[in-house]
Amino acid sequence: LTPETSVVRVPDLKPAIYLNVSSYMSNNRTRVVDGYFDNSKLIRTATISQKNKLMTFTFHRNQSLQSANVSVTFYDEKTNSTVEKLFLIVAVTKNQNDSVSNVNDTGGVSRDNLTVSFRSSSVEGEIANATQEIIFFLITCLLI
């Protein structure tokens, strides 16, 4: 993912992609602090690996040709500034005649309709993991 990237075309029928975000995290004091995408019918999960400087997207199966607007905010502690990167992901996960290669660069990604969020924070991650463990524990107790 570079500053020039406006559209990410996922190879047809691929269930997941990894995006290298090291161009935005050139020093060890830059991190992803916020992110949003607007199409939860296409994107199943979006995760960040701060250490490896990667974004991972997984996609729902059997989806016709679709796109999703994505926004990622990077924070640089050294300069105390943020940079927001907007881009479009185009994918098809259903066997059909549609192909992402038929899609033109549309640009014009807008933050207005981005609704699903993924946040990167060690505290939020620990809370989410603890919550999942508690829910799993409660379900296990109910089944016994």
N, C-alpha and C. Protein backbone atom coordinates (compact mmCIF):
# COMPACT_ATOMS: atom_id res chain seq x y z
N LEU A 1 0.86 -1.17 0.00
CA LEU A 1 0.00 0.00 0.00
C LEU A 1 0.90 1.23 0.00
N THR A 2 0.75 2.06 -1.00
CA THR A 2 1.56 3.27 -1.12
C THR A 2 0.66 4.49 -1.16
N PRO A 3 1.22 5.67 -1.02
CA PRO A 3 0.40 6.88 -1.12
C PRO A 3 -0.32 7.00 -2.48
N GLU A 4 0.24 6.37 -3.51
CA GLU A 4 -0.37 6.43 -4.84
C GLU A 4 -1.50 5.43 -5.04
N THR A 5 -1.62 4.44 -4.16
CA THR A 5 -2.63 3.39 -4.30
C THR A 5 -4.02 3.95 -4.02
N SER A 6 -4.93 3.80 -5.01
CA SER A 6 -6.31 4.21 -4.78
C SER A 6 -7.27 3.03 -4.90
N VAL A 7 -6.86 1.99 -5.64
CA VAL A 7 -7.69 0.80 -5.81
C VAL A 7 -6.82 -0.44 -5.62
N VAL A 8 -7.30 -1.36 -4.77
CA VAL A 8 -6.65 -2.65 -4.59
C VAL A 8 -7.56 -3.69 -5.23
N ARG A 9 -7.10 -4.30 -6.32
CA ARG A 9 -7.85 -5.35 -7.00
C ARG A 9 -7.40 -6.69 -6.46
N VAL A 10 -8.31 -7.40 -5.82
CA VAL A 10 -8.01 -8.72 -5.26
C VAL A 10 -8.13 -9.73 -6.40
N PRO A 11 -7.13 -10.60 -6.57
CA PRO A 11 -7.25 -11.63 -7.60
C PRO A 11 -8.55 -12.42 -7.41
N ASP A 12 -9.23 -12.74 -8.50
CA ASP A 12 -10.52 -13.42 -8.44
C ASP A 12 -10.45 -14.67 -7.58
N LEU A 13 -11.49 -14.84 -6.75
CA LEU A 13 -11.72 -16.01 -5.90
C LEU A 13 -10.73 -16.16 -4.75
N LYS A 14 -9.93 -15.14 -4.47
CA LYS A 14 -8.99 -15.20 -3.34
C LYS A 14 -9.75 -14.92 -2.05
N PRO A 15 -9.57 -15.75 -1.02
CA PRO A 15 -10.31 -15.56 0.23
C PRO A 15 -9.68 -14.53 1.17
N ALA A 16 -8.41 -14.12 0.90
CA ALA A 16 -7.74 -13.19 1.80
C ALA A 16 -6.59 -12.49 1.07
N ILE A 17 -6.23 -11.32 1.61
CA ILE A 17 -5.05 -10.61 1.10
C ILE A 17 -4.30 -10.00 2.27
N TYR A 18 -3.02 -9.76 2.04
CA TYR A 18 -2.17 -9.06 2.98
C TYR A 18 -1.67 -7.81 2.27
N LEU A 19 -1.73 -6.67 2.95
CA LEU A 19 -1.20 -5.43 2.39
C LEU A 19 -0.04 -4.95 3.25
N ASN A 20 1.07 -4.69 2.62
CA ASN A 20 2.25 -4.17 3.30
C ASN A 20 2.05 -2.67 3.50
N VAL A 21 2.04 -2.21 4.74
CA VAL A 21 1.84 -0.79 5.03
C VAL A 21 3.12 -0.13 5.54
N SER A 22 4.26 -0.75 5.27
CA SER A 22 5.52 -0.21 5.77
C SER A 22 5.85 1.17 5.19
N SER A 23 5.31 1.51 4.03
CA SER A 23 5.56 2.85 3.47
C SER A 23 4.95 3.94 4.35
N TYR A 24 3.94 3.58 5.16
CA TYR A 24 3.34 4.53 6.08
C TYR A 24 3.93 4.41 7.49
N MET A 25 4.66 3.34 7.74
CA MET A 25 5.20 3.08 9.07
C MET A 25 6.72 2.95 8.97
N SER A 26 7.35 3.96 8.42
CA SER A 26 8.78 3.89 8.13
C SER A 26 9.65 3.89 9.38
N ASN A 27 9.12 4.38 10.48
CA ASN A 27 9.91 4.33 11.72
C ASN A 27 9.13 3.54 12.77
N ASN A 28 9.78 3.19 13.85
CA ASN A 28 9.15 2.38 14.89
C ASN A 28 8.20 3.18 15.78
N ARG A 29 8.04 4.46 15.48
CA ARG A 29 7.16 5.29 16.29
C ARG A 29 5.86 5.61 15.56
N THR A 30 5.62 4.94 14.44
CA THR A 30 4.38 5.12 13.69
C THR A 30 3.53 3.86 13.85
N ARG A 31 2.23 4.06 14.05
CA ARG A 31 1.33 2.92 14.21
C ARG A 31 -0.04 3.24 13.64
N VAL A 32 -0.80 2.19 13.38
CA VAL A 32 -2.18 2.35 12.94
C VAL A 32 -3.02 2.59 14.17
N VAL A 33 -3.84 3.63 14.15
CA VAL A 33 -4.67 3.93 15.31
C VAL A 33 -6.16 3.78 15.05
N ASP A 34 -6.56 3.72 13.77
CA ASP A 34 -7.97 3.65 13.46
C ASP A 34 -8.16 3.12 12.05
N GLY A 35 -9.31 2.52 11.79
CA GLY A 35 -9.61 2.05 10.46
C GLY A 35 -11.09 1.75 10.30
N TYR A 36 -11.58 1.91 9.09
CA TYR A 36 -12.99 1.68 8.78
C TYR A 36 -13.12 1.05 7.40
N PHE A 37 -14.17 0.26 7.21
CA PHE A 37 -14.56 -0.17 5.88
C PHE A 37 -16.08 -0.19 5.82
N ASP A 38 -16.63 -0.12 4.60
CA ASP A 38 -18.07 0.08 4.48
C ASP A 38 -18.85 -1.10 3.90
N ASN A 39 -18.23 -2.25 3.66
CA ASN A 39 -18.97 -3.34 3.05
C ASN A 39 -18.71 -4.64 3.80
N SER A 40 -19.52 -4.89 4.82
CA SER A 40 -19.34 -6.10 5.62
C SER A 40 -19.90 -7.34 4.92
N LYS A 41 -20.60 -7.15 3.79
CA LYS A 41 -21.02 -8.32 3.00
C LYS A 41 -19.85 -8.89 2.23
N LEU A 42 -18.88 -8.05 1.90
CA LEU A 42 -17.69 -8.49 1.18
C LEU A 42 -16.55 -8.82 2.15
N ILE A 43 -16.21 -7.86 3.01
CA ILE A 43 -15.08 -8.04 3.92
C ILE A 43 -15.54 -8.74 5.19
N ARG A 44 -14.92 -9.86 5.47
CA ARG A 44 -15.26 -10.62 6.67
C ARG A 44 -14.50 -10.08 7.88
N THR A 45 -13.17 -9.93 7.72
CA THR A 45 -12.36 -9.38 8.81
C THR A 45 -11.29 -8.46 8.24
N ALA A 46 -10.88 -7.53 9.07
CA ALA A 46 -9.75 -6.65 8.76
C ALA A 46 -8.92 -6.56 10.03
N THR A 47 -7.64 -6.90 9.92
CA THR A 47 -6.77 -6.87 11.09
C THR A 47 -5.46 -6.15 10.75
N ILE A 48 -4.81 -5.70 11.81
CA ILE A 48 -3.55 -4.99 11.68
C ILE A 48 -2.47 -5.74 12.46
N SER A 49 -1.30 -5.88 11.87
CA SER A 49 -0.12 -6.36 12.59
C SER A 49 0.86 -5.20 12.65
N GLN A 50 0.90 -4.54 13.81
CA GLN A 50 1.80 -3.39 13.97
C GLN A 50 3.25 -3.85 13.79
N LYS A 51 3.59 -4.96 14.42
CA LYS A 51 4.96 -5.45 14.40
C LYS A 51 5.44 -5.77 12.98
N ASN A 52 4.59 -6.44 12.20
CA ASN A 52 4.97 -6.84 10.85
C ASN A 52 4.58 -5.82 9.79
N LYS A 53 3.91 -4.75 10.21
CA LYS A 53 3.48 -3.67 9.30
C LYS A 53 2.63 -4.21 8.15
N LEU A 54 1.62 -5.01 8.53
CA LEU A 54 0.72 -5.63 7.57
C LEU A 54 -0.73 -5.39 7.93
N MET A 55 -1.56 -5.26 6.91
CA MET A 55 -3.01 -5.28 7.07
C MET A 55 -3.50 -6.55 6.40
N THR A 56 -4.40 -7.26 7.05
CA THR A 56 -4.95 -8.49 6.51
C THR A 56 -6.45 -8.33 6.33
N PHE A 57 -6.95 -8.69 5.18
CA PHE A 57 -8.39 -8.69 4.91
C PHE A 57 -8.80 -10.10 4.52
N THR A 58 -9.88 -10.60 5.11
CA THR A 58 -10.49 -11.85 4.66
C THR A 58 -11.85 -11.50 4.10
N PHE A 59 -12.30 -12.32 3.14
CA PHE A 59 -13.54 -12.03 2.43
C PHE A 59 -14.55 -13.15 2.61
N HIS A 60 -15.83 -12.76 2.60
CA HIS A 60 -16.89 -13.76 2.64
C HIS A 60 -16.91 -14.51 1.31
N ARG A 61 -17.30 -15.77 1.36
CA ARG A 61 -17.37 -16.59 0.16
C ARG A 61 -18.62 -16.28 -0.66
N ASN A 62 -18.58 -16.67 -1.91
CA ASN A 62 -19.73 -16.58 -2.82
C ASN A 62 -20.29 -15.17 -2.96
N GLN A 63 -19.40 -14.20 -3.05
CA GLN A 63 -19.82 -12.81 -3.25
C GLN A 63 -19.52 -12.39 -4.68
N SER A 64 -20.53 -11.81 -5.32
CA SER A 64 -20.32 -11.30 -6.67
C SER A 64 -19.41 -10.08 -6.62
N LEU A 65 -19.04 -9.58 -7.77
CA LEU A 65 -18.13 -8.45 -7.87
C LEU A 65 -18.63 -7.27 -7.03
N GLN A 66 -17.80 -6.84 -6.08
CA GLN A 66 -18.17 -5.75 -5.18
C GLN A 66 -16.94 -4.94 -4.83
N SER A 67 -17.20 -3.80 -4.22
CA SER A 67 -16.09 -2.98 -3.74
C SER A 67 -16.38 -2.55 -2.31
N ALA A 68 -15.31 -2.13 -1.63
CA ALA A 68 -15.43 -1.63 -0.26
C ALA A 68 -14.49 -0.45 -0.10
N ASN A 69 -15.00 0.64 0.44
CA ASN A 69 -14.16 1.79 0.78
C ASN A 69 -13.47 1.49 2.09
N VAL A 70 -12.18 1.81 2.16
CA VAL A 70 -11.40 1.55 3.36
C VAL A 70 -10.66 2.83 3.76
N SER A 71 -10.64 3.10 5.05
CA SER A 71 -9.90 4.23 5.61
C SER A 71 -9.01 3.70 6.72
N VAL A 72 -7.73 4.09 6.69
CA VAL A 72 -6.78 3.69 7.73
C VAL A 72 -6.06 4.94 8.20
N THR A 73 -5.99 5.14 9.52
CA THR A 73 -5.30 6.30 10.08
C THR A 73 -4.02 5.86 10.76
N PHE A 74 -2.92 6.49 10.36
CA PHE A 74 -1.60 6.23 10.92
C PHE A 74 -1.21 7.40 11.81
N TYR A 75 -0.61 7.10 12.96
CA TYR A 75 -0.16 8.13 13.89
C TYR A 75 1.35 8.03 14.06
N ASP A 76 2.04 9.15 13.88
CA ASP A 76 3.49 9.22 14.05
C ASP A 76 3.78 9.94 15.36
N GLU A 77 4.28 9.21 16.35
CA GLU A 77 4.59 9.80 17.66
C GLU A 77 5.69 10.85 17.56
N LYS A 78 6.63 10.63 16.66
CA LYS A 78 7.76 11.54 16.52
C LYS A 78 7.31 12.94 16.11
N THR A 79 6.39 13.01 15.15
CA THR A 79 5.91 14.31 14.66
C THR A 79 4.57 14.69 15.27
N ASN A 80 3.98 13.78 16.05
CA ASN A 80 2.67 14.00 16.66
C ASN A 80 1.62 14.36 15.59
N SER A 81 1.63 13.59 14.50
CA SER A 81 0.69 13.86 13.40
C SER A 81 0.05 12.56 12.92
N THR A 82 -1.08 12.71 12.26
CA THR A 82 -1.78 11.56 11.69
C THR A 82 -1.88 11.72 10.18
N VAL A 83 -1.96 10.57 9.52
CA VAL A 83 -2.19 10.52 8.07
C VAL A 83 -3.32 9.54 7.84
N GLU A 84 -4.33 9.95 7.09
CA GLU A 84 -5.43 9.05 6.76
C GLU A 84 -5.27 8.58 5.32
N LYS A 85 -5.30 7.27 5.11
CA LYS A 85 -5.20 6.69 3.78
C LYS A 85 -6.57 6.13 3.41
N LEU A 86 -7.12 6.59 2.29
CA LEU A 86 -8.39 6.10 1.76
C LEU A 86 -8.11 5.30 0.50
N PHE A 87 -8.73 4.13 0.38
CA PHE A 87 -8.59 3.34 -0.84
C PHE A 87 -9.80 2.44 -1.01
N LEU A 88 -9.90 1.85 -2.18
CA LEU A 88 -11.01 0.98 -2.55
C LEU A 88 -10.48 -0.43 -2.73
N ILE A 89 -11.17 -1.41 -2.17
CA ILE A 89 -10.85 -2.82 -2.42
C ILE A 89 -11.94 -3.36 -3.33
N VAL A 90 -11.53 -4.02 -4.41
CA VAL A 90 -12.47 -4.62 -5.36
C VAL A 90 -12.20 -6.12 -5.38
N ALA A 91 -13.26 -6.92 -5.18
CA ALA A 91 -13.07 -8.37 -5.12
C ALA A 91 -14.32 -9.11 -5.60
N VAL A 92 -14.10 -10.34 -6.02
CA VAL A 92 -15.18 -11.27 -6.34
C VAL A 92 -14.77 -12.63 -5.79
N THR A 93 -15.66 -13.24 -4.99
CA THR A 93 -15.34 -14.53 -4.40
C THR A 93 -16.33 -15.61 -4.85
N LYS A 94 -17.03 -15.35 -5.93
CA LYS A 94 -18.03 -16.27 -6.46
C LYS A 94 -17.65 -16.60 -7.90
N ASN A 95 -17.73 -17.87 -8.27
CA ASN A 95 -17.44 -18.26 -9.65
C ASN A 95 -18.51 -17.69 -10.57
N GLN A 96 -18.12 -16.79 -11.44
CA GLN A 96 -19.05 -16.17 -12.39
C GLN A 96 -18.23 -15.46 -13.45
N ASN A 97 -18.89 -14.74 -14.31
CA ASN A 97 -18.20 -14.05 -15.40
C ASN A 97 -17.56 -12.74 -14.98
N ASP A 98 -17.96 -12.21 -13.81
CA ASP A 98 -17.37 -10.96 -13.36
C ASP A 98 -15.91 -11.16 -12.99
N SER A 99 -15.13 -10.12 -13.16
CA SER A 99 -13.72 -10.18 -12.80
C SER A 99 -13.27 -8.81 -12.34
N VAL A 100 -12.40 -8.75 -11.37
CA VAL A 100 -11.91 -7.45 -10.90
C VAL A 100 -11.09 -6.76 -11.98
N SER A 101 -10.57 -7.51 -12.93
CA SER A 101 -9.79 -6.89 -14.00
C SER A 101 -10.66 -6.02 -14.90
N ASN A 102 -11.99 -6.20 -14.84
CA ASN A 102 -12.90 -5.38 -15.65
C ASN A 102 -13.26 -4.05 -14.99
N VAL A 103 -12.76 -3.82 -13.78
CA VAL A 103 -13.13 -2.62 -13.03
C VAL A 103 -12.10 -1.53 -13.27
N ASN A 104 -12.59 -0.32 -13.59
CA ASN A 104 -11.70 0.82 -13.78
C ASN A 104 -11.37 1.45 -12.45
N ASP A 105 -10.24 2.18 -12.40
CA ASP A 105 -9.93 2.97 -11.21
C ASP A 105 -11.01 4.02 -11.07
N THR A 106 -11.69 4.00 -9.92
CA THR A 106 -12.77 4.97 -9.73
C THR A 106 -12.33 6.14 -8.88
N GLY A 107 -11.32 5.94 -8.04
CA GLY A 107 -10.89 7.04 -7.17
C GLY A 107 -12.07 7.54 -6.35
N GLY A 108 -12.01 8.74 -5.89
CA GLY A 108 -13.12 9.36 -5.19
C GLY A 108 -13.60 8.62 -3.97
N VAL A 109 -12.75 7.94 -3.28
CA VAL A 109 -13.16 7.24 -2.06
C VAL A 109 -13.54 8.28 -1.02
N SER A 110 -14.70 8.10 -0.41
CA SER A 110 -15.19 9.06 0.57
C SER A 110 -15.32 8.40 1.93
N ARG A 111 -15.03 9.13 2.97
CA ARG A 111 -15.13 8.62 4.34
C ARG A 111 -16.57 8.70 4.86
N ASP A 112 -17.46 9.38 4.13
CA ASP A 112 -18.81 9.65 4.62
C ASP A 112 -19.60 8.40 4.99
N ASN A 113 -19.49 7.34 4.21
CA ASN A 113 -20.33 6.17 4.43
C ASN A 113 -19.61 5.00 5.08
N LEU A 114 -18.43 5.21 5.61
CA LEU A 114 -17.69 4.12 6.22
C LEU A 114 -18.27 3.83 7.60
N THR A 115 -18.73 2.59 7.79
CA THR A 115 -19.44 2.29 9.02
C THR A 115 -18.80 1.22 9.89
N VAL A 116 -18.17 0.23 9.32
CA VAL A 116 -17.60 -0.85 10.11
C VAL A 116 -16.18 -0.47 10.47
N SER A 117 -15.82 -0.61 11.73
CA SER A 117 -14.49 -0.14 12.13
C SER A 117 -13.62 -1.26 12.64
N PHE A 118 -12.33 -1.06 12.52
CA PHE A 118 -11.34 -1.91 13.17
C PHE A 118 -10.34 -0.95 13.79
N ARG A 119 -10.11 -1.11 15.07
CA ARG A 119 -9.21 -0.21 15.78
C ARG A 119 -7.99 -0.98 16.24
N SER A 120 -6.88 -0.31 16.26
CA SER A 120 -5.64 -0.95 16.68
C SER A 120 -5.17 -0.33 17.97
N SER A 121 -5.30 -1.08 19.02
CA SER A 121 -4.84 -0.63 20.33
C SER A 121 -4.62 -1.86 21.18
N SER A 122 -3.51 -1.91 21.87
CA SER A 122 -3.22 -3.09 22.68
C SER A 122 -4.26 -3.25 23.78
N VAL A 123 -4.75 -2.16 24.36
CA VAL A 123 -5.76 -2.25 25.42
C VAL A 123 -7.07 -2.78 24.85
N GLU A 124 -7.51 -2.21 23.71
CA GLU A 124 -8.75 -2.69 23.10
C GLU A 124 -8.62 -4.15 22.68
N GLY A 125 -7.44 -4.54 22.18
CA GLY A 125 -7.22 -5.93 21.78
C GLY A 125 -7.30 -6.86 22.97
N GLU A 126 -6.73 -6.45 24.09
CA GLU A 126 -6.78 -7.28 25.30
C GLU A 126 -8.20 -7.40 25.81
N ILE A 127 -8.95 -6.30 25.75
CA ILE A 127 -10.35 -6.34 26.19
C ILE A 127 -11.15 -7.27 25.29
N ALA A 128 -10.94 -7.17 23.98
CA ALA A 128 -11.67 -8.03 23.04
C ALA A 128 -11.33 -9.49 23.28
N ASN A 129 -10.05 -9.81 23.46
CA ASN A 129 -9.66 -11.19 23.72
C ASN A 129 -10.24 -11.70 25.03
N ALA A 130 -10.21 -10.88 26.07
CA ALA A 130 -10.77 -11.27 27.36
C ALA A 130 -12.27 -11.50 27.24
N THR A 131 -12.96 -10.63 26.50
CA THR A 131 -14.40 -10.77 26.30
C THR A 131 -14.71 -12.08 25.59
N GLN A 132 -13.95 -12.40 24.54
CA GLN A 132 -14.17 -13.65 23.81
C GLN A 132 -13.92 -14.85 24.71
N GLU A 133 -12.91 -14.80 25.56
CA GLU A 133 -12.62 -15.91 26.46
C GLU A 133 -13.74 -16.08 27.49
N ILE A 134 -14.27 -14.98 27.99
CA ILE A 134 -15.37 -15.05 28.96
C ILE A 134 -16.61 -15.64 28.31
N ILE A 135 -16.93 -15.19 27.09
CA ILE A 135 -18.11 -15.71 26.39
C ILE A 135 -17.94 -17.21 26.14
N PHE A 136 -16.75 -17.62 25.68
CA PHE A 136 -16.49 -19.04 25.45
C PHE A 136 -16.66 -19.83 26.75
N PHE A 137 -16.15 -19.31 27.86
CA PHE A 137 -16.26 -19.96 29.15
C PHE A 137 -17.74 -20.11 29.54
N LEU A 138 -18.52 -19.03 29.39
CA LEU A 138 -19.94 -19.09 29.75
C LEU A 138 -20.70 -20.09 28.89
N ILE A 139 -20.43 -20.11 27.61
CA ILE A 139 -21.09 -21.07 26.73
C ILE A 139 -20.72 -22.49 27.13
N THR A 140 -19.46 -22.71 27.45
CA THR A 140 -19.01 -24.03 27.87
C THR A 140 -19.73 -24.47 29.15
N CYS A 141 -19.87 -23.53 30.10
CA CYS A 141 -20.57 -23.83 31.35
C CYS A 141 -22.03 -24.18 31.11
N LEU A 142 -22.66 -23.49 30.18
CA LEU A 142 -24.07 -23.76 29.88
C LEU A 142 -24.26 -25.11 29.23
N LEU A 143 -23.28 -25.56 28.49
CA LEU A 143 -23.39 -26.85 27.79
C LEU A 143 -23.11 -28.03 28.69
N ILE A 144 -22.49 -27.78 29.83
CA ILE A 144 -22.13 -28.90 30.74
C ILE A 144 -23.31 -29.34 31.55
